[in-house]
N, C-alpha and C. Protein backbone atom coordinates (compact mmCIF):
# COMPACT_ATOMS: atom_id res chain seq x y z
N MET A 1 0.83 -1.19 -0.01
CA MET A 1 0.03 -0.05 0.00
C MET A 1 0.89 1.21 0.00
N PRO A 2 0.72 2.20 -0.88
CA PRO A 2 1.55 3.32 -0.96
C PRO A 2 1.35 4.21 0.32
N ARG A 3 2.44 4.87 0.64
CA ARG A 3 2.46 5.72 1.82
C ARG A 3 1.83 7.07 1.45
N LYS A 4 1.16 7.65 2.31
CA LYS A 4 0.59 8.99 2.12
C LYS A 4 1.66 10.01 2.55
N ARG A 5 1.83 11.02 1.77
CA ARG A 5 2.70 12.14 2.13
C ARG A 5 1.86 13.17 2.87
N ILE A 6 2.26 13.53 4.05
CA ILE A 6 1.62 14.49 4.87
C ILE A 6 2.34 15.85 4.59
N LEU A 7 1.54 16.73 4.12
CA LEU A 7 2.09 18.09 3.82
C LEU A 7 2.15 18.89 5.10
N THR A 8 3.32 19.31 5.38
CA THR A 8 3.51 20.21 6.53
C THR A 8 4.30 21.36 6.17
N ASN A 9 4.49 22.25 7.16
CA ASN A 9 5.35 23.41 6.90
C ASN A 9 6.78 23.14 7.37
N GLU A 10 7.13 21.87 7.57
CA GLU A 10 8.48 21.50 8.04
C GLU A 10 9.44 21.90 6.93
N ASN A 11 10.63 22.39 7.37
CA ASN A 11 11.69 22.56 6.48
C ASN A 11 12.49 21.25 6.45
N LYS A 12 13.54 21.23 5.59
CA LYS A 12 14.32 20.04 5.43
C LYS A 12 15.02 19.61 6.76
N ARG A 13 15.55 20.61 7.52
CA ARG A 13 16.20 20.31 8.77
C ARG A 13 15.25 19.72 9.77
N GLU A 14 14.09 20.31 9.94
CA GLU A 14 13.07 19.79 10.90
C GLU A 14 12.62 18.36 10.54
N ARG A 15 12.46 18.13 9.20
CA ARG A 15 12.03 16.82 8.77
C ARG A 15 13.10 15.79 9.04
N PHE A 16 14.39 16.23 8.82
CA PHE A 16 15.58 15.30 9.09
C PHE A 16 15.55 14.96 10.55
N LEU A 17 15.50 16.01 11.44
CA LEU A 17 15.59 15.71 12.85
C LEU A 17 14.45 14.81 13.34
N ARG A 18 13.28 15.04 12.77
CA ARG A 18 12.09 14.22 13.24
C ARG A 18 12.29 12.76 12.80
N LEU A 19 12.60 12.54 11.53
CA LEU A 19 12.71 11.19 11.02
C LEU A 19 14.00 10.46 11.50
N ALA A 20 15.13 11.19 11.49
CA ALA A 20 16.34 10.54 11.96
C ALA A 20 16.29 10.11 13.40
N SER A 21 15.62 10.98 14.25
CA SER A 21 15.51 10.63 15.67
C SER A 21 14.58 9.40 15.85
N HIS A 22 13.49 9.38 15.14
CA HIS A 22 12.60 8.21 15.23
C HIS A 22 13.28 6.96 14.71
N ARG A 23 13.89 7.08 13.55
CA ARG A 23 14.46 5.85 12.94
C ARG A 23 15.69 5.33 13.74
N THR A 24 16.49 6.28 14.37
CA THR A 24 17.58 5.89 15.16
C THR A 24 17.07 5.16 16.38
N GLN A 25 16.01 5.69 17.01
CA GLN A 25 15.50 5.02 18.17
C GLN A 25 14.93 3.66 17.82
N ASP A 26 14.35 3.49 16.68
CA ASP A 26 13.85 2.18 16.21
C ASP A 26 14.99 1.18 16.15
N VAL A 27 16.11 1.60 15.52
CA VAL A 27 17.26 0.72 15.41
C VAL A 27 17.82 0.34 16.81
N LEU A 28 17.95 1.37 17.68
CA LEU A 28 18.48 1.02 18.97
C LEU A 28 17.57 0.05 19.78
N ASN A 29 16.25 0.27 19.62
CA ASN A 29 15.29 -0.70 20.25
C ASN A 29 15.49 -2.13 19.65
N ARG A 30 15.61 -2.22 18.41
CA ARG A 30 15.79 -3.54 17.80
C ARG A 30 17.10 -4.19 18.24
N LEU A 31 18.16 -3.35 18.37
CA LEU A 31 19.40 -3.90 18.89
C LEU A 31 19.28 -4.47 20.27
N ARG A 32 18.50 -3.78 21.14
CA ARG A 32 18.31 -4.26 22.51
C ARG A 32 17.57 -5.63 22.43
N VAL A 33 16.59 -5.71 21.52
CA VAL A 33 15.83 -6.96 21.36
C VAL A 33 16.81 -8.07 20.86
N LEU A 34 17.66 -7.77 19.96
CA LEU A 34 18.67 -8.76 19.52
C LEU A 34 19.52 -9.19 20.69
N GLY A 35 19.83 -8.27 21.64
CA GLY A 35 20.63 -8.58 22.77
C GLY A 35 19.95 -9.66 23.65
N ASN A 36 18.64 -9.76 23.57
CA ASN A 36 17.97 -10.75 24.35
C ASN A 36 18.39 -12.23 23.94
N CYS A 37 18.84 -12.32 22.71
CA CYS A 37 19.33 -13.63 22.23
C CYS A 37 20.57 -14.10 22.92
N ALA A 38 21.25 -13.22 23.71
CA ALA A 38 22.51 -13.59 24.36
C ALA A 38 22.26 -14.51 25.61
N ASN A 39 20.99 -14.72 25.99
CA ASN A 39 20.66 -15.52 27.15
C ASN A 39 20.91 -16.99 26.83
N HIS A 40 22.06 -17.54 27.44
CA HIS A 40 22.46 -18.93 27.14
C HIS A 40 21.45 -19.93 27.80
N SER A 41 20.69 -19.53 28.75
CA SER A 41 19.73 -20.48 29.32
C SER A 41 18.55 -20.68 28.40
N VAL A 42 18.35 -19.87 27.41
CA VAL A 42 17.24 -19.95 26.54
C VAL A 42 17.70 -20.33 25.07
N TYR A 43 18.86 -19.85 24.71
CA TYR A 43 19.37 -20.05 23.35
C TYR A 43 20.68 -20.70 23.32
N GLU A 44 20.95 -21.32 22.18
CA GLU A 44 22.28 -22.00 21.92
C GLU A 44 22.86 -21.36 20.78
N TYR A 45 24.09 -20.94 20.85
CA TYR A 45 24.78 -20.32 19.63
C TYR A 45 26.26 -20.43 19.79
N SER A 46 26.97 -20.34 18.68
CA SER A 46 28.39 -20.50 18.70
C SER A 46 29.07 -19.14 18.43
N LYS A 47 30.39 -19.12 18.65
CA LYS A 47 31.15 -17.87 18.45
C LYS A 47 31.02 -17.50 16.93
N ASP A 48 31.01 -18.55 16.11
CA ASP A 48 30.87 -18.29 14.58
C ASP A 48 29.55 -17.57 14.33
N ASP A 49 28.43 -17.96 14.92
CA ASP A 49 27.17 -17.34 14.84
C ASP A 49 27.19 -15.82 15.25
N ILE A 50 27.84 -15.61 16.34
CA ILE A 50 27.98 -14.24 16.87
C ILE A 50 28.83 -13.38 15.96
N ASP A 51 29.87 -13.95 15.42
CA ASP A 51 30.81 -13.24 14.50
C ASP A 51 30.06 -12.89 13.24
N LYS A 52 29.22 -13.78 12.75
CA LYS A 52 28.42 -13.48 11.47
C LYS A 52 27.47 -12.37 11.76
N ILE A 53 26.80 -12.37 12.82
CA ILE A 53 25.80 -11.36 13.23
C ILE A 53 26.49 -9.95 13.22
N PHE A 54 27.52 -9.90 14.09
CA PHE A 54 28.16 -8.62 14.24
C PHE A 54 28.97 -8.09 12.98
N SER A 55 29.39 -9.05 12.15
CA SER A 55 30.04 -8.66 10.86
C SER A 55 28.99 -8.00 9.96
N ALA A 56 27.79 -8.62 9.88
CA ALA A 56 26.74 -8.09 9.07
C ALA A 56 26.30 -6.70 9.53
N LEU A 57 26.19 -6.55 10.88
CA LEU A 57 25.78 -5.23 11.42
C LEU A 57 26.82 -4.16 11.21
N LYS A 58 28.11 -4.58 11.35
CA LYS A 58 29.18 -3.59 11.16
C LYS A 58 29.24 -3.13 9.62
N ASP A 59 29.06 -4.10 8.76
CA ASP A 59 29.06 -3.84 7.29
C ASP A 59 27.99 -2.89 6.96
N GLN A 60 26.77 -3.12 7.43
CA GLN A 60 25.64 -2.26 7.12
C GLN A 60 25.80 -0.88 7.74
N LEU A 61 26.37 -0.82 8.89
CA LEU A 61 26.61 0.45 9.57
C LEU A 61 27.65 1.31 8.71
N LYS A 62 28.67 0.67 8.23
CA LYS A 62 29.67 1.39 7.37
C LYS A 62 29.00 1.83 6.13
N THR A 63 28.14 1.08 5.55
CA THR A 63 27.43 1.42 4.27
C THR A 63 26.60 2.68 4.52
N VAL A 64 25.82 2.60 5.65
CA VAL A 64 24.90 3.73 5.89
C VAL A 64 25.71 4.99 6.26
N GLU A 65 26.74 4.85 6.97
CA GLU A 65 27.59 6.02 7.40
C GLU A 65 28.23 6.67 6.16
N ALA A 66 28.65 5.83 5.25
CA ALA A 66 29.28 6.37 3.95
C ALA A 66 28.24 7.16 3.16
N LYS A 67 26.96 6.81 3.24
CA LYS A 67 25.95 7.60 2.51
C LYS A 67 25.92 9.05 3.06
N PHE A 68 26.15 9.24 4.34
CA PHE A 68 26.13 10.54 4.93
C PHE A 68 27.44 11.29 4.70
N HIS A 69 28.54 10.66 4.68
CA HIS A 69 29.83 11.33 4.41
C HIS A 69 30.13 11.52 2.91
N PHE A 70 29.71 10.58 2.07
CA PHE A 70 30.02 10.63 0.73
C PHE A 70 28.80 10.42 -0.13
N PRO A 71 27.85 11.34 -0.10
CA PRO A 71 26.64 11.19 -0.89
C PRO A 71 26.91 11.04 -2.36
N LYS A 72 26.18 10.27 -3.08
CA LYS A 72 26.35 10.08 -4.52
C LYS A 72 25.56 11.18 -5.20
N HIS A 73 26.23 11.97 -6.01
CA HIS A 73 25.47 12.99 -6.80
C HIS A 73 25.80 12.66 -8.24
N LYS A 74 24.80 12.00 -8.90
CA LYS A 74 25.01 11.61 -10.28
C LYS A 74 24.46 12.74 -11.15
N GLU A 75 25.23 13.16 -12.10
CA GLU A 75 24.78 14.20 -12.97
C GLU A 75 24.55 13.55 -14.35
N PHE A 76 23.49 13.95 -14.97
CA PHE A 76 23.16 13.47 -16.32
C PHE A 76 23.63 14.54 -17.29
N LYS A 77 24.42 14.13 -18.24
CA LYS A 77 24.89 15.02 -19.31
C LYS A 77 24.67 14.40 -20.64
N LEU A 78 24.29 15.13 -21.61
CA LEU A 78 24.16 14.65 -22.96
C LEU A 78 25.45 15.01 -23.78
């Protein structure tokens, strides 16, 4: 289902602050939930499993951070 765009008088900075704060909090909450899997009395996992999880998280974090530091600006020229 397509998202509805809510028209507001927000400027780009205000929109960034609102969305970035909400999305960052969502990620932090999900990481806390992932941490629940560390309970050895409920779950069984190996060092290799943990290494794969944190490798994937670190790779994605680097990718997202690079978007902020090195945005891609593609120009079209004929």
